[in-house]
Amino acid sequence: MQSRSDPHRPRPPPHRAPASRARADPLTAAGSRRRTEALLLVFVVAIATLGHASAGLAMNDELPPNLAGFTISMALLSLVGHLGVRRFAARADPLVLPLAMLLTGLGLVLLHRLDQGYIERYGADANAPGQLLWTVVGVAACLVVLGLLRDHRLLQRFIYITMAAALVLLIAPAFFGADTYGAKRWIILFGFSLQPGEFVKIMIAVFFAGYLVVHRDSLALTGRKVLGVRLPPMRQLGPIVTVWIVSMLVLVFERDLGTSLIFFGVFVVMLYVATERTGWIACGLVMASIGAFVVGSTEPHVQARVAAWLEPLSYYRENRPAGVASDQSAQALFSFGTGGVSGTGLGLGHPELIKFAGRSDFILTTVGEELGLAGVMAVLLLYALLVQRGLRMALGARDPFGKLLAVGLASALALQVFVVAGGVTGLIPLTGKALPFLAKGGSSLLANWIMVALLLRISDSAERQREADALGPAETAITPPAAQPRAGAGAG
């Protein structure tokens, strides 16, 4: 019988953990992301519920009668969205859905608060119930896109069809649209209004991503330097000139300054990201300046908005400039000034004085008046964080199409927030676009939730590819991406 100290005694082989266990377990990582998302959604529902209750107490000294229904609706929307993401995009970024849901919930709180003011002062209809219905439609569309589009690279096969459809939608309001509030950006169908420009921003991002993947080398490697800046060659200026002309046509015939700026801005940003050439930025700025000057000098509707931007208080003068027919810009400044740093309190201001636009592009003034500068900065930081997550997805994506598509979607969101917030604060002329997720508008809400679905899909695909690269070719050849690793599996 051998003793324990016998050097010739055979020893058992050292225990080696399977390779798939030695590294971080993909399923554990995915579960951690979804648990983080679920916890954040609980906070989202709590914040929205407290905001709605606070507004009701401030205005009526009692809780809103629909508080229970509002809370249940927000909870169900969050739960369904979370379960859908867990089922179809388990490895997606855990912050995107809570951020979108929080902005949507804050928008519903503000619309409920504004409805009472508009009903009491003007006898207007309530918009919050319709916005809640569109929220349901938007979340459902997000999950449908996630369920049907299992790989975002499939969109690359249909870029020219996508662009053709985008141009049809973009031009349609000029011929079949309704002239509302000075701009033709809506199509009226069967009693419902549709704003095609909200969907076009997604479609052009898809087209530009696919187009630039194919032509990025020819756009980046040729050209000559002028004053130290390498400008693109004339034969490659075709795409940017075409987009510039279309943008100007939209601005002239539809008088839609916001859509034109977003359309052209997204293309220039994506060009720069794809080619890393400042020449495209220089060309874009020059062409945008020329177009803005020409249209601003000839189009009366744009001239009126520029005049109101330069002298917002001129509406109250007896000899006010021609075309200045609204005091919205002045009332917005009064609203921000009244709010100060901390605001008057939710439900204690008078944002309805801005009239009809207080529930659309001027809804940010409600935040400024009742939540103050602190509230405005918090809302803008939420948008900034959502844009940052989109850019982070672009860095993590392994395929060029996914990178450019994430950049395009994030840029479209950032540009829309900029033109709306800049317009109501007096930084730039008013554009009339809706503030994403926050403002009233079914088309805007639906389009933005589809954008969220695409970002989630890109994030999920990027994370799956990263995990596959970490496992190595030997294991990825044995374990399919969608299969769950069995206990004890691995190279061992």
Protein backbone atom coordinates (compact mmCIF):
# COMPACT_ATOMS: atom_id res chain seq x y z
CA MET A 1 0.00 0.00 0.00
CA GLN A 2 1.49 3.34 -1.07
CA SER A 3 1.81 6.20 1.32
CA ARG A 4 0.51 9.70 0.61
CA SER A 5 4.09 11.04 0.30
CA ASP A 6 5.24 8.41 -2.17
CA PRO A 7 6.74 10.34 -5.08
CA HIS A 8 5.97 7.45 -7.46
CA ARG A 9 2.30 7.46 -6.63
CA PRO A 10 0.25 8.32 -9.76
CA ARG A 11 -1.46 11.70 -9.43
CA PRO A 12 -4.79 12.63 -10.95
CA PRO A 13 -4.65 15.04 -13.91
CA PRO A 14 -5.21 18.66 -12.96
CA HIS A 15 -8.79 19.84 -13.30
CA ARG A 16 -9.29 22.05 -16.32
CA ALA A 17 -12.44 24.05 -16.78
CA PRO A 18 -14.01 23.78 -20.21
CA ALA A 19 -12.94 26.53 -22.56
CA SER A 20 -16.49 27.84 -22.80
CA ARG A 21 -16.62 28.14 -18.99
CA ALA A 22 -13.12 29.63 -18.70
CA ARG A 23 -14.28 32.68 -20.58
CA ALA A 24 -17.30 34.76 -19.69
CA ASP A 25 -20.46 32.75 -20.32
CA PRO A 26 -22.42 34.44 -23.16
CA LEU A 27 -25.73 33.42 -21.61
CA THR A 28 -24.73 34.91 -18.28
CA ALA A 29 -23.72 38.16 -19.97
CA ALA A 30 -27.00 38.30 -21.89
CA GLY A 31 -28.98 37.63 -18.73
CA SER A 32 -27.11 40.38 -16.90
CA ARG A 33 -27.96 42.86 -19.66
CA ARG A 34 -31.62 42.00 -19.54
CA ARG A 35 -31.75 42.19 -15.74
CA THR A 36 -30.22 45.67 -15.95
CA GLU A 37 -32.83 46.61 -18.54
CA ALA A 38 -35.67 45.27 -16.37
CA LEU A 39 -34.46 47.21 -13.32
CA LEU A 40 -34.21 50.42 -15.33
CA LEU A 41 -37.71 49.91 -16.71
CA VAL A 42 -39.04 49.66 -13.15
CA PHE A 43 -37.52 53.08 -12.46
CA VAL A 44 -39.02 54.39 -15.72
CA VAL A 45 -42.53 53.34 -14.69
CA ALA A 46 -42.01 54.85 -11.22
CA ILE A 47 -40.76 58.18 -12.62
CA ALA A 48 -43.63 58.46 -15.10
CA THR A 49 -46.21 57.57 -12.45
CA LEU A 50 -44.83 60.08 -9.95
CA GLY A 51 -44.73 62.78 -12.62
CA HIS A 52 -48.36 62.19 -13.60
CA ALA A 53 -49.46 62.17 -9.95
CA SER A 54 -47.48 65.34 -9.20
CA ALA A 55 -49.05 67.23 -12.11
CA GLY A 56 -52.55 66.17 -11.05
CA LEU A 57 -51.99 67.23 -7.44
CA ALA A 58 -50.59 70.59 -8.53
CA MET A 59 -53.46 71.42 -10.87
CA ASN A 60 -56.47 69.89 -9.09
CA ASP A 61 -55.31 69.18 -5.50
CA GLU A 62 -56.10 65.51 -6.09
CA LEU A 63 -54.62 62.52 -7.84
CA PRO A 64 -55.54 62.17 -11.53
CA PRO A 65 -58.56 59.87 -12.00
CA ASN A 66 -56.70 57.89 -14.67
CA LEU A 67 -53.55 57.37 -12.58
CA ALA A 68 -54.11 53.62 -12.16
CA GLY A 69 -54.77 53.15 -15.87
CA PHE A 70 -51.72 55.23 -16.77
CA THR A 71 -49.48 53.21 -14.44
CA ILE A 72 -50.79 49.88 -15.73
CA SER A 73 -50.33 51.02 -19.34
CA MET A 74 -46.74 52.08 -18.74
CA ALA A 75 -46.01 48.85 -16.85
CA LEU A 76 -47.50 46.66 -19.58
CA LEU A 77 -45.69 48.51 -22.35
CA SER A 78 -42.41 48.18 -20.49
CA LEU A 79 -43.01 44.50 -19.74
CA VAL A 80 -43.98 43.62 -23.31
CA GLY A 81 -41.03 45.56 -24.69
CA HIS A 82 -38.63 43.88 -22.27
CA LEU A 83 -39.93 40.38 -23.04
CA GLY A 84 -39.75 41.07 -26.76
CA VAL A 85 -36.15 42.25 -26.55
CA ARG A 86 -35.28 39.28 -24.33
CA ARG A 87 -36.78 36.94 -26.94
CA PHE A 88 -35.49 38.50 -30.18
CA ALA A 89 -32.38 40.49 -29.20
CA ALA A 90 -31.16 39.08 -25.89
CA ARG A 91 -27.68 40.59 -26.19
CA ALA A 92 -28.76 44.09 -27.19
CA ASP A 93 -27.72 47.23 -25.33
CA PRO A 94 -29.64 47.39 -22.01
CA LEU A 95 -30.06 51.19 -22.03
CA VAL A 96 -31.78 51.81 -25.36
CA LEU A 97 -35.24 50.50 -24.47
CA PRO A 98 -35.39 52.21 -21.02
CA LEU A 99 -34.24 55.52 -22.51
CA ALA A 100 -36.86 55.39 -25.27
CA MET A 101 -39.56 54.35 -22.79
CA LEU A 102 -38.60 57.10 -20.34
CA LEU A 103 -38.77 59.81 -23.01
CA THR A 104 -42.11 58.44 -24.22
CA GLY A 105 -43.45 58.29 -20.66
CA LEU A 106 -42.38 61.88 -19.97
CA GLY A 107 -44.10 62.91 -23.18
CA LEU A 108 -47.34 61.26 -22.03
CA VAL A 109 -47.08 63.01 -18.65
CA LEU A 110 -46.61 66.39 -20.33
CA LEU A 111 -49.44 65.81 -22.80
CA HIS A 112 -51.84 64.83 -19.98
CA ARG A 113 -50.81 68.00 -18.16
CA LEU A 114 -51.19 70.15 -21.31
CA ASP A 115 -54.57 68.67 -22.23
CA GLN A 116 -56.19 70.16 -19.13
CA GLY A 117 -54.75 73.61 -19.85
CA TYR A 118 -55.82 73.54 -23.52
CA ILE A 119 -59.30 72.24 -22.68
CA GLU A 120 -59.89 74.90 -20.03
CA ARG A 121 -58.53 77.82 -22.07
CA TYR A 122 -59.43 76.93 -25.66
CA GLY A 123 -61.88 74.04 -25.45
CA ALA A 124 -59.45 71.89 -27.45
CA ASP A 125 -59.53 68.12 -27.72
CA ALA A 126 -57.40 65.84 -25.56
CA ASN A 127 -54.33 64.43 -27.28
CA ALA A 128 -52.87 62.19 -24.58
CA PRO A 129 -55.20 59.19 -25.23
CA GLY A 130 -54.28 59.21 -28.91
CA GLN A 131 -50.59 59.47 -28.06
CA LEU A 132 -50.89 56.46 -25.75
CA LEU A 133 -52.50 54.49 -28.57
CA TRP A 134 -49.64 55.45 -30.89
CA THR A 135 -47.19 54.39 -28.21
CA VAL A 136 -48.76 50.93 -28.23
CA VAL A 137 -48.49 50.86 -32.02
CA GLY A 138 -44.88 52.03 -31.87
CA VAL A 139 -43.77 49.43 -29.33
CA ALA A 140 -45.59 46.73 -31.32
CA ALA A 141 -43.85 47.87 -34.53
CA CYS A 142 -40.50 47.77 -32.73
CA LEU A 143 -41.06 44.15 -31.70
CA VAL A 144 -42.32 43.18 -35.17
CA VAL A 145 -39.16 44.60 -36.75
CA LEU A 146 -37.01 42.74 -34.22
CA GLY A 147 -38.89 39.51 -34.88
CA LEU A 148 -38.79 39.70 -38.67
CA LEU A 149 -35.38 41.32 -39.21
CA ARG A 150 -33.01 38.81 -37.64
CA ASP A 151 -29.97 40.29 -39.41
CA HIS A 152 -29.69 44.01 -40.19
CA ARG A 153 -27.45 43.24 -43.18
CA LEU A 154 -30.51 42.04 -45.10
CA LEU A 155 -31.45 45.71 -45.56
CA GLN A 156 -28.34 46.17 -47.70
CA ARG A 157 -29.96 44.14 -50.48
CA PHE A 158 -32.78 46.64 -50.92
CA ILE A 159 -31.03 50.01 -50.71
CA TYR A 160 -32.14 51.27 -54.13
CA ILE A 161 -35.74 50.21 -53.56
CA THR A 162 -35.56 51.90 -50.17
CA MET A 163 -34.26 55.13 -51.68
CA ALA A 164 -36.90 55.12 -54.42
CA ALA A 165 -39.62 54.72 -51.81
CA ALA A 166 -38.02 57.46 -49.69
CA LEU A 167 -38.04 59.91 -52.59
CA VAL A 168 -41.69 59.16 -53.33
CA LEU A 169 -42.63 59.74 -49.71
CA LEU A 170 -40.49 62.86 -49.51
CA ILE A 171 -42.00 64.47 -52.60
CA ALA A 172 -45.60 63.32 -52.04
CA PRO A 173 -46.63 66.16 -49.66
CA ALA A 174 -45.70 68.75 -52.31
CA PHE A 175 -48.42 67.38 -54.61
CA PHE A 176 -50.89 65.56 -52.37
CA GLY A 177 -50.21 67.07 -48.96
CA ALA A 178 -52.16 69.45 -46.79
CA ASP A 179 -50.89 72.98 -46.16
CA THR A 180 -50.86 73.05 -42.36
CA TYR A 181 -49.35 75.86 -40.31
CA GLY A 182 -47.48 77.16 -43.36
CA ALA A 183 -45.71 73.92 -44.34
CA LYS A 184 -46.62 70.94 -46.51
CA ARG A 185 -45.27 67.99 -44.62
CA TRP A 186 -48.44 65.96 -44.01
CA ILE A 187 -50.47 63.61 -46.21
CA ILE A 188 -54.14 63.18 -45.28
CA LEU A 189 -55.42 59.63 -45.87
CA PHE A 190 -58.88 58.48 -44.78
CA GLY A 191 -59.03 61.16 -42.13
CA PHE A 192 -55.57 60.35 -40.73
CA SER A 193 -52.54 62.58 -41.17
CA LEU A 194 -49.18 61.02 -42.04
CA GLN A 195 -45.84 62.81 -41.91
CA PRO A 196 -43.62 60.96 -44.43
CA GLY A 197 -40.46 62.85 -43.49
CA GLU A 198 -40.28 60.99 -40.18
CA PHE A 199 -39.89 57.67 -42.02
CA VAL A 200 -37.66 59.10 -44.72
CA LYS A 201 -34.89 59.86 -42.22
CA ILE A 202 -34.62 56.11 -41.50
CA MET A 203 -34.81 55.11 -45.15
CA ILE A 204 -32.10 57.51 -46.26
CA ALA A 205 -29.84 56.25 -43.48
CA VAL A 206 -30.31 52.71 -44.82
CA PHE A 207 -29.60 53.81 -48.40
CA PHE A 208 -26.56 55.92 -47.58
CA ALA A 209 -25.08 53.14 -45.44
CA GLY A 210 -25.37 50.65 -48.30
CA TYR A 211 -24.20 53.10 -50.95
CA LEU A 212 -21.15 54.27 -49.02
CA VAL A 213 -20.03 50.72 -48.22
CA VAL A 214 -19.68 50.11 -51.96
CA HIS A 215 -18.27 53.50 -53.02
CA ARG A 216 -16.27 54.61 -49.97
CA ASP A 217 -12.88 53.94 -51.60
CA SER A 218 -13.59 56.05 -54.65
CA LEU A 219 -14.89 58.84 -52.42
CA ALA A 220 -11.93 58.73 -50.05
CA LEU A 221 -8.81 58.11 -52.13
CA THR A 222 -9.09 60.71 -54.87
CA GLY A 223 -9.22 64.50 -55.07
CA ARG A 224 -6.90 67.48 -54.82
CA LYS A 225 -5.96 69.84 -52.03
CA VAL A 226 -7.23 73.42 -52.01
CA LEU A 227 -5.99 75.69 -49.20
CA GLY A 228 -4.83 72.66 -47.26
CA VAL A 229 -8.19 70.85 -47.53
CA ARG A 230 -8.49 67.81 -49.78
CA LEU A 231 -11.67 68.30 -51.76
CA PRO A 232 -13.48 65.43 -53.49
CA PRO A 233 -13.14 65.16 -57.29
CA MET A 234 -15.84 66.65 -59.46
CA ARG A 235 -17.00 63.29 -60.77
CA GLN A 236 -17.64 62.17 -57.18
CA LEU A 237 -19.65 65.27 -56.30
CA GLY A 238 -22.71 63.76 -58.01
CA PRO A 239 -24.26 62.16 -54.90
CA ILE A 240 -23.88 65.19 -52.66
CA VAL A 241 -25.12 67.55 -55.38
CA THR A 242 -28.16 65.32 -55.95
CA VAL A 243 -28.97 65.23 -52.26
CA TRP A 244 -28.45 68.99 -52.03
CA ILE A 245 -30.87 69.62 -54.93
CA VAL A 246 -33.50 67.31 -53.45
CA SER A 247 -33.15 69.03 -50.08
CA MET A 248 -33.64 72.43 -51.66
CA LEU A 249 -36.67 71.22 -53.61
CA VAL A 250 -38.22 69.94 -50.40
CA LEU A 251 -37.55 73.28 -48.75
CA VAL A 252 -38.98 75.29 -51.65
CA PHE A 253 -42.08 73.29 -52.54
CA GLU A 254 -42.98 71.99 -49.09
CA ARG A 255 -41.51 74.83 -47.01
CA ASP A 256 -40.15 72.19 -44.62
CA LEU A 257 -36.90 73.56 -43.25
CA GLY A 258 -36.45 70.85 -40.60
CA THR A 259 -36.69 67.84 -42.91
CA SER A 260 -34.35 69.48 -45.40
CA LEU A 261 -31.69 70.12 -42.74
CA ILE A 262 -31.92 66.59 -41.34
CA PHE A 263 -31.90 64.98 -44.79
CA PHE A 264 -28.80 66.83 -45.92
CA GLY A 265 -27.05 66.73 -42.55
CA VAL A 266 -27.30 62.95 -42.18
CA PHE A 267 -25.74 62.45 -45.61
CA VAL A 268 -22.80 64.76 -44.91
CA VAL A 269 -22.13 63.15 -41.50
CA MET A 270 -22.20 59.66 -42.98
CA LEU A 271 -19.93 60.75 -45.83
CA TYR A 272 -17.39 62.05 -43.37
CA VAL A 273 -17.52 58.91 -41.22
CA ALA A 274 -17.14 56.65 -44.27
CA THR A 275 -14.28 58.57 -45.91
CA GLU A 276 -12.67 60.46 -42.99
CA ARG A 277 -12.21 63.42 -45.32
CA THR A 278 -12.90 66.94 -44.09
CA GLY A 279 -13.44 67.99 -47.70
CA TRP A 280 -16.94 66.56 -47.58
CA ILE A 281 -17.73 68.58 -44.46
CA ALA A 282 -16.44 71.73 -46.17
CA CYS A 283 -18.53 71.05 -49.28
CA GLY A 284 -21.58 70.32 -47.15
CA LEU A 285 -21.29 73.53 -45.13
CA VAL A 286 -20.77 75.66 -48.24
CA MET A 287 -23.70 74.10 -50.09
CA ALA A 288 -25.97 74.32 -47.02
CA SER A 289 -25.10 78.00 -46.59
CA ILE A 290 -25.76 78.78 -50.25
CA GLY A 291 -29.07 76.93 -50.20
CA ALA A 292 -30.21 78.55 -46.97
CA PHE A 293 -29.35 82.02 -48.27
CA VAL A 294 -31.16 81.55 -51.58
CA VAL A 295 -34.28 80.00 -50.09
CA GLY A 296 -34.30 82.44 -47.16
CA SER A 297 -34.22 85.33 -49.63
CA THR A 298 -37.00 84.06 -51.89
CA GLU A 299 -39.43 81.92 -49.86
CA PRO A 300 -41.89 84.05 -47.80
CA HIS A 301 -42.56 81.33 -45.22
CA VAL A 302 -38.85 80.89 -44.50
CA GLN A 303 -38.36 84.67 -44.50
CA ALA A 304 -41.05 85.01 -41.82
CA ARG A 305 -39.36 82.44 -39.62
CA VAL A 306 -36.00 84.12 -40.02
CA ALA A 307 -37.54 87.49 -39.15
CA ALA A 308 -39.21 86.01 -36.06
CA TRP A 309 -35.88 84.47 -35.08
CA LEU A 310 -33.95 87.73 -35.45
CA GLU A 311 -36.56 89.82 -33.59
CA PRO A 312 -38.83 87.53 -31.55
CA LEU A 313 -40.46 90.44 -29.72
CA SER A 314 -41.28 92.32 -32.93
CA TYR A 315 -44.76 90.73 -32.96
CA TYR A 316 -45.83 93.18 -30.26
CA ARG A 317 -44.71 96.25 -32.22
CA GLU A 318 -47.18 98.26 -34.26
CA ASN A 319 -44.84 98.26 -37.27
CA ARG A 320 -43.76 94.64 -36.97
CA PRO A 321 -41.86 93.11 -39.92
CA ALA A 322 -43.88 91.63 -42.74
CA GLY A 323 -44.67 87.96 -42.32
CA VAL A 324 -44.26 87.84 -38.53
CA ALA A 325 -47.75 86.61 -37.68
CA SER A 326 -47.12 84.60 -34.54
CA ASP A 327 -45.88 85.30 -31.04
CA GLN A 328 -44.72 81.73 -30.43
CA SER A 329 -41.02 82.59 -30.35
CA ALA A 330 -41.61 85.41 -27.87
CA GLN A 331 -43.87 83.27 -25.67
CA ALA A 332 -41.24 80.52 -25.67
CA LEU A 333 -38.64 82.96 -24.36
CA PHE A 334 -41.10 84.18 -21.71
CA SER A 335 -41.71 80.57 -20.73
CA PHE A 336 -38.02 79.76 -20.34
CA GLY A 337 -37.46 82.97 -18.40
CA THR A 338 -40.33 82.20 -16.04
CA GLY A 339 -38.96 78.74 -15.30
CA GLY A 340 -35.51 79.89 -14.28
CA VAL A 341 -33.24 77.18 -12.91
CA SER A 342 -35.66 74.94 -11.01
CA GLY A 343 -38.99 75.75 -12.69
CA THR A 344 -42.42 76.69 -11.37
CA GLY A 345 -43.33 73.07 -10.66
CA LEU A 346 -45.03 70.51 -12.87
CA GLY A 347 -48.59 71.69 -13.50
CA LEU A 348 -48.07 75.20 -12.11
CA GLY A 349 -47.07 77.08 -15.27
CA HIS A 350 -48.97 78.38 -18.29
CA PRO A 351 -47.42 76.65 -21.34
CA GLU A 352 -50.78 76.70 -23.12
CA LEU A 353 -50.18 80.39 -23.93
CA ILE A 354 -48.03 79.22 -26.86
CA LYS A 355 -51.31 77.95 -28.38
CA PHE A 356 -51.43 74.99 -30.79
CA ALA A 357 -47.67 74.34 -31.01
CA GLY A 358 -47.27 73.81 -27.28
CA ARG A 359 -47.93 70.10 -27.70
CA SER A 360 -45.67 69.58 -30.72
CA ASP A 361 -42.34 71.33 -31.39
CA PHE A 362 -42.78 73.73 -28.45
CA ILE A 363 -43.31 71.02 -25.84
CA LEU A 364 -39.74 71.66 -24.65
CA THR A 365 -40.89 75.06 -23.39
CA THR A 366 -43.23 73.26 -20.98
CA VAL A 367 -40.20 71.48 -19.57
CA GLY A 368 -38.31 74.77 -19.37
CA GLU A 369 -41.13 76.61 -17.60
CA GLU A 370 -42.25 73.95 -15.12
CA LEU A 371 -39.03 71.98 -14.58
CA GLY A 372 -36.59 74.81 -15.29
CA LEU A 373 -33.13 74.73 -16.75
CA ALA A 374 -32.42 71.59 -14.70
CA GLY A 375 -35.32 69.77 -16.39
CA VAL A 376 -34.29 70.90 -19.87
CA MET A 377 -30.74 69.74 -19.30
CA ALA A 378 -31.99 66.39 -17.97
CA VAL A 379 -34.13 65.83 -21.08
CA LEU A 380 -31.29 66.82 -23.41
CA LEU A 381 -28.93 64.50 -21.53
CA LEU A 382 -31.38 61.63 -22.09
CA TYR A 383 -31.25 62.34 -25.82
CA ALA A 384 -27.47 62.66 -25.69
CA LEU A 385 -27.18 59.31 -23.92
CA LEU A 386 -29.40 57.64 -26.54
CA VAL A 387 -27.26 59.11 -29.32
CA GLN A 388 -24.12 57.98 -27.50
CA ARG A 389 -25.43 54.42 -27.31
CA GLY A 390 -26.03 54.52 -31.05
CA LEU A 391 -22.48 55.71 -31.73
CA ARG A 392 -21.16 53.06 -29.34
CA MET A 393 -22.99 50.44 -31.38
CA ALA A 394 -21.28 51.78 -34.49
CA LEU A 395 -17.89 51.29 -32.81
CA GLY A 396 -18.80 47.76 -31.78
CA ALA A 397 -20.29 46.62 -35.08
CA ARG A 398 -17.99 44.38 -37.14
CA ASP A 399 -19.59 44.95 -40.55
CA PRO A 400 -19.25 48.29 -42.38
CA PHE A 401 -22.95 48.48 -43.19
CA GLY A 402 -23.90 48.13 -39.53
CA LYS A 403 -21.37 50.78 -38.52
CA LEU A 404 -22.66 53.33 -41.01
CA LEU A 405 -26.31 52.52 -40.34
CA ALA A 406 -25.87 53.04 -36.59
CA VAL A 407 -24.07 56.35 -37.26
CA GLY A 408 -26.84 57.45 -39.62
CA LEU A 409 -29.66 56.66 -37.19
CA ALA A 410 -27.87 58.29 -34.26
CA SER A 411 -27.07 61.35 -36.40
CA ALA A 412 -30.69 61.67 -37.54
CA LEU A 413 -31.86 61.65 -33.93
CA ALA A 414 -29.21 64.15 -32.85
CA LEU A 415 -29.95 66.51 -35.74
CA GLN A 416 -33.70 66.42 -35.13
CA VAL A 417 -33.25 67.21 -31.45
CA PHE A 418 -30.86 70.02 -32.38
CA VAL A 419 -33.15 71.70 -34.92
CA VAL A 420 -36.17 71.48 -32.59
CA ALA A 421 -34.41 72.54 -29.38
CA GLY A 422 -32.41 75.18 -31.24
CA GLY A 423 -35.58 76.60 -32.77
CA VAL A 424 -37.60 76.95 -29.56
CA THR A 425 -34.66 78.39 -27.59
CA GLY A 426 -33.85 80.96 -30.29
CA LEU A 427 -30.55 79.47 -31.39
CA ILE A 428 -31.74 78.90 -34.97
CA PRO A 429 -34.98 79.68 -36.85
CA LEU A 430 -37.99 77.51 -36.11
CA THR A 431 -38.36 74.34 -38.18
CA GLY A 432 -41.67 72.89 -37.03
CA LYS A 433 -40.35 69.36 -36.47
CA ALA A 434 -41.60 67.27 -33.55
CA LEU A 435 -39.30 66.54 -30.62
CA PRO A 436 -38.62 62.75 -30.81
CA PHE A 437 -40.65 60.59 -28.39
CA LEU A 438 -41.72 63.61 -26.34
CA ALA A 439 -44.03 65.61 -28.62
CA LYS A 440 -47.48 64.82 -29.98
CA GLY A 441 -47.38 63.00 -33.30
CA GLY A 442 -48.17 59.44 -34.31
CA SER A 443 -45.87 59.38 -37.35
CA SER A 444 -42.94 60.66 -35.33
CA LEU A 445 -43.50 58.19 -32.50
CA LEU A 446 -43.88 55.21 -34.83
CA ALA A 447 -40.78 56.11 -36.85
CA ASN A 448 -38.67 56.62 -33.74
CA TRP A 449 -39.67 53.25 -32.29
CA ILE A 450 -38.71 51.59 -35.59
CA MET A 451 -35.35 53.36 -35.28
CA VAL A 452 -35.01 51.90 -31.75
CA ALA A 453 -35.65 48.42 -33.18
CA LEU A 454 -32.86 48.85 -35.75
CA LEU A 455 -30.43 50.06 -33.08
CA LEU A 456 -31.29 47.08 -30.89
CA ARG A 457 -30.75 44.70 -33.79
CA ILE A 458 -27.34 46.20 -34.63
CA SER A 459 -26.31 46.05 -30.97
CA ASP A 460 -27.41 42.44 -30.61
CA SER A 461 -25.58 41.38 -33.79
CA ALA A 462 -22.40 43.18 -32.73
CA GLU A 463 -22.40 41.51 -29.31
CA ARG A 464 -23.02 38.07 -30.78
CA GLN A 465 -20.12 38.53 -33.18
CA ARG A 466 -17.87 39.68 -30.35
CA GLU A 467 -18.74 36.60 -28.33
CA ALA A 468 -18.13 34.36 -31.34
CA ASP A 469 -14.69 35.94 -31.85
CA ALA A 470 -13.88 35.44 -28.16
CA LEU A 471 -14.81 31.74 -28.29
CA GLY A 472 -12.47 31.12 -31.21
CA PRO A 473 -12.90 29.23 -34.48
CA ALA A 474 -12.74 25.76 -32.89
CA GLU A 475 -15.71 26.37 -30.64
CA THR A 476 -17.75 28.51 -33.01
CA ALA A 477 -17.48 25.73 -35.59
CA ILE A 478 -19.05 23.28 -33.12
CA THR A 479 -21.53 25.56 -31.34
CA PRO A 480 -24.00 27.42 -33.57
CA PRO A 481 -24.52 31.09 -32.63
CA ALA A 482 -28.12 30.50 -31.59
CA ALA A 483 -27.46 27.30 -29.67
CA GLN A 484 -26.97 27.29 -25.93
CA PRO A 485 -23.70 25.77 -24.69
CA ARG A 486 -24.19 22.55 -22.75
CA ALA A 487 -22.67 21.98 -19.37
CA GLY A 488 -19.20 20.56 -19.77
CA ALA A 489 -18.95 21.43 -23.46
CA GLY A 490 -15.70 22.86 -24.74
CA ALA A 491 -12.22 21.94 -25.69
CA GLY A 492 -10.96 20.11 -22.80
